[in-house]
Amino acid sequence: MDEEDQDKCRTVFHKLGSGVHPTVEEIVALIPHFQEKPFHIRQIRAKHVNALLRLHGRSVWLWRRQRLKDHARILHCMDAAISKEGLDSFTLDNLRAVSTLIVLSFVIQ
């Protein structure tokens, strides 16, 4: 990764760490780095995988990378469902129900 890409990553990570949302363009520019080295799930260290699992309240025992990929898939499905229906159309109880249904349907597959 060249110097310019490192600066882009630092900027986006700094924004995320400080609670500011990066723009869509900033995120899209980083996609290639998550599809291969250095940030692909097969490339990051086990210590980092464990930290990500703990961050999301997941177990760090056995099949860590698969568990992290599964959790990412669940989050993606939840986001897609909420985007499809529109956030304004949900009450808090509806959001909880949708979250539960998505997780259950994913586990059953």
C-alpha atoms as a PDB file:
ATOM      1  CA  MET A   1       0.000   0.000   0.000  1.00  0.00           C
ATOM      2  CA  ASP A   2       1.458   3.325  -1.043  1.00  0.00           C
ATOM      3  CA  GLU A   3       1.672   6.515   1.019  1.00  0.00           C
ATOM      4  CA  GLU A   4      -1.512   8.023  -0.474  1.00  0.00           C
ATOM      5  CA  ASP A   5      -3.572   4.920   0.370  1.00  0.00           C
ATOM      6  CA  GLN A   6      -2.175   4.886   3.891  1.00  0.00           C
ATOM      7  CA  ASP A   7      -3.270   8.495   4.339  1.00  0.00           C
ATOM      8  CA  LYS A   8      -6.771   7.628   3.075  1.00  0.00           C
ATOM      9  CA  CYS A   9      -6.984   4.737   5.542  1.00  0.00           C
ATOM     10  CA  ARG A  10      -5.730   6.870   8.418  1.00  0.00           C
ATOM     11  CA  THR A  11      -8.291   9.557   7.629  1.00  0.00           C
ATOM     12  CA  VAL A  12     -11.224   7.134   7.510  1.00  0.00           C
ATOM     13  CA  PHE A  13     -10.098   5.225  10.618  1.00  0.00           C
ATOM     14  CA  HIS A  14      -9.585   8.486  12.494  1.00  0.00           C
ATOM     15  CA  LYS A  15     -13.077   9.646  11.561  1.00  0.00           C
ATOM     16  CA  LEU A  16     -14.601   6.343  12.673  1.00  0.00           C
ATOM     17  CA  GLY A  17     -12.646   6.427  15.916  1.00  0.00           C
ATOM     18  CA  SER A  18     -13.786   9.946  16.709  1.00  0.00           C
ATOM     19  CA  GLY A  19     -17.443   9.233  15.932  1.00  0.00           C
ATOM     20  CA  VAL A  20     -17.583  11.088  12.609  1.00  0.00           C
ATOM     21  CA  HIS A  21     -19.001   9.302   9.573  1.00  0.00           C
ATOM     22  CA  PRO A  22     -16.699   9.144   6.547  1.00  0.00           C
ATOM     23  CA  THR A  23     -18.231   9.910   3.170  1.00  0.00           C
ATOM     24  CA  VAL A  24     -19.368   7.134   0.843  1.00  0.00           C
ATOM     25  CA  GLU A  25     -16.556   8.038  -1.559  1.00  0.00           C
ATOM     26  CA  GLU A  26     -13.952   7.662   1.203  1.00  0.00           C
ATOM     27  CA  ILE A  27     -15.265   4.226   2.110  1.00  0.00           C
ATOM     28  CA  VAL A  28     -15.554   3.045  -1.501  1.00  0.00           C
ATOM     29  CA  ALA A  29     -11.950   4.098  -2.123  1.00  0.00           C
ATOM     30  CA  LEU A  30     -10.845   1.609   0.565  1.00  0.00           C
ATOM     31  CA  ILE A  31     -12.726  -1.423  -0.783  1.00  0.00           C
ATOM     32  CA  PRO A  32      -9.727  -2.888  -2.663  1.00  0.00           C
ATOM     33  CA  HIS A  33      -7.701  -2.947   0.561  1.00  0.00           C
ATOM     34  CA  PHE A  34     -10.351  -5.076   2.268  1.00  0.00           C
ATOM     35  CA  GLN A  35     -10.589  -7.491  -0.675  1.00  0.00           C
ATOM     36  CA  GLU A  36      -6.891  -8.345  -0.515  1.00  0.00           C
ATOM     37  CA  LYS A  37      -3.860  -7.366   1.535  1.00  0.00           C
ATOM     38  CA  PRO A  38      -3.600  -5.729   4.027  1.00  0.00           C
ATOM     39  CA  PHE A  39      -7.119  -5.876   5.534  1.00  0.00           C
ATOM     40  CA  HIS A  40      -8.680  -9.044   4.113  1.00  0.00           C
ATOM     41  CA  ILE A  41      -9.895 -11.346   6.874  1.00  0.00           C
ATOM     42  CA  ARG A  42      -7.299 -13.971   5.905  1.00  0.00           C
ATOM     43  CA  GLN A  43      -4.535 -11.376   6.166  1.00  0.00           C
ATOM     44  CA  ILE A  44      -5.204  -9.812   9.569  1.00  0.00           C
ATOM     45  CA  ARG A  45      -3.509 -11.277  12.622  1.00  0.00           C
ATOM     46  CA  ALA A  46      -5.290 -13.610  15.015  1.00  0.00           C
ATOM     47  CA  LYS A  47      -4.917 -11.035  17.781  1.00  0.00           C
ATOM     48  CA  HIS A  48      -6.860  -8.521  15.681  1.00  0.00           C
ATOM     49  CA  VAL A  49      -9.543 -11.104  14.832  1.00  0.00           C
ATOM     50  CA  ASN A  50      -9.933 -11.825  18.559  1.00  0.00           C
ATOM     51  CA  ALA A  51     -10.232  -8.105  19.320  1.00  0.00           C
ATOM     52  CA  LEU A  52     -12.940  -7.676  16.662  1.00  0.00           C
ATOM     53  CA  LEU A  53     -14.863 -10.673  18.001  1.00  0.00           C
ATOM     54  CA  ARG A  54     -14.695  -9.325  21.548  1.00  0.00           C
ATOM     55  CA  LEU A  55     -15.768  -5.899  20.329  1.00  0.00           C
ATOM     56  CA  HIS A  56     -18.965  -7.478  18.980  1.00  0.00           C
ATOM     57  CA  GLY A  57     -19.511  -9.737  21.994  1.00  0.00           C
ATOM     58  CA  ARG A  58     -18.614 -12.960  20.192  1.00  0.00           C
ATOM     59  CA  SER A  59     -16.636 -15.925  21.473  1.00  0.00           C
ATOM     60  CA  VAL A  60     -12.959 -16.171  20.546  1.00  0.00           C
ATOM     61  CA  TRP A  61     -12.889 -19.973  20.774  1.00  0.00           C
ATOM     62  CA  LEU A  62     -12.678 -22.126  17.646  1.00  0.00           C
ATOM     63  CA  TRP A  63     -13.378 -21.016  14.064  1.00  0.00           C
ATOM     64  CA  ARG A  64     -12.711 -17.365  14.842  1.00  0.00           C
ATOM     65  CA  ARG A  65     -12.410 -16.089  11.284  1.00  0.00           C
ATOM     66  CA  GLN A  66     -15.564 -17.931  10.221  1.00  0.00           C
ATOM     67  CA  ARG A  67     -17.444 -16.549  13.225  1.00  0.00           C
ATOM     68  CA  LEU A  68     -16.284 -13.030  12.340  1.00  0.00           C
ATOM     69  CA  LYS A  69     -17.383 -13.489   8.699  1.00  0.00           C
ATOM     70  CA  ASP A  70     -20.767 -14.822   9.847  1.00  0.00           C
ATOM     71  CA  HIS A  71     -21.271 -11.854  12.143  1.00  0.00           C
ATOM     72  CA  ALA A  72     -20.351  -9.453   9.342  1.00  0.00           C
ATOM     73  CA  ARG A  73     -22.900 -11.189   7.100  1.00  0.00           C
ATOM     74  CA  ILE A  74     -25.591 -10.802   9.778  1.00  0.00           C
ATOM     75  CA  LEU A  75     -24.814  -7.097  10.130  1.00  0.00           C
ATOM     76  CA  HIS A  76     -24.934  -6.697   6.356  1.00  0.00           C
ATOM     77  CA  CYS A  77     -28.332  -8.441   6.154  1.00  0.00           C
ATOM     78  CA  MET A  78     -29.722  -6.282   8.939  1.00  0.00           C
ATOM     79  CA  ASP A  79     -28.472  -3.139   7.229  1.00  0.00           C
ATOM     80  CA  ALA A  80     -29.923  -4.213   3.880  1.00  0.00           C
ATOM     81  CA  ALA A  81     -33.319  -4.970   5.424  1.00  0.00           C
ATOM     82  CA  ILE A  82     -33.457  -1.641   7.220  1.00  0.00           C
ATOM     83  CA  SER A  83     -32.352   0.218   4.081  1.00  0.00           C
ATOM     84  CA  LYS A  84     -34.954  -1.567   1.967  1.00  0.00           C
ATOM     85  CA  GLU A  85     -37.827  -0.693   4.285  1.00  0.00           C
ATOM     86  CA  GLY A  86     -36.571   2.739   5.264  1.00  0.00           C
ATOM     87  CA  LEU A  87     -35.486   3.573   8.782  1.00  0.00           C
ATOM     88  CA  ASP A  88     -38.373   5.968   9.347  1.00  0.00           C
ATOM     89  CA  SER A  89     -40.927   3.195   8.847  1.00  0.00           C
ATOM     90  CA  PHE A  90     -39.662   1.269  11.905  1.00  0.00           C
ATOM     91  CA  THR A  91     -40.502   1.705  15.548  1.00  0.00           C
ATOM     92  CA  LEU A  92     -37.982   0.584  18.158  1.00  0.00           C
ATOM     93  CA  ASP A  93     -39.960  -2.623  18.735  1.00  0.00           C
ATOM     94  CA  ASN A  94     -40.023  -3.310  14.986  1.00  0.00           C
ATOM     95  CA  LEU A  95     -36.250  -2.853  14.769  1.00  0.00           C
ATOM     96  CA  ARG A  96     -35.754  -5.347  17.591  1.00  0.00           C
ATOM     97  CA  ALA A  97     -38.076  -7.851  15.899  1.00  0.00           C
ATOM     98  CA  VAL A  98     -36.356  -7.478  12.520  1.00  0.00           C
ATOM     99  CA  SER A  99     -32.963  -7.939  14.133  1.00  0.00           C
ATOM    100  CA  THR A 100     -34.109 -11.096  15.888  1.00  0.00           C
ATOM    101  CA  LEU A 101     -35.702 -12.550  12.733  1.00  0.00           C
ATOM    102  CA  ILE A 102     -32.613 -11.890  10.630  1.00  0.00           C
ATOM    103  CA  VAL A 103     -30.347 -13.539  13.169  1.00  0.00           C
ATOM    104  CA  LEU A 104     -32.657 -16.542  13.542  1.00  0.00           C
ATOM    105  CA  SER A 105     -33.050 -17.036   9.796  1.00  0.00           C
ATOM    106  CA  PHE A 106     -29.298 -16.827   9.361  1.00  0.00           C
ATOM    107  CA  VAL A 107     -28.624 -19.397  12.092  1.00  0.00           C
ATOM    108  CA  ILE A 108     -31.182 -21.832  10.635  1.00  0.00           C
ATOM    109  CA  GLN A 109     -29.565 -21.749   7.157  1.00  0.00           C
END
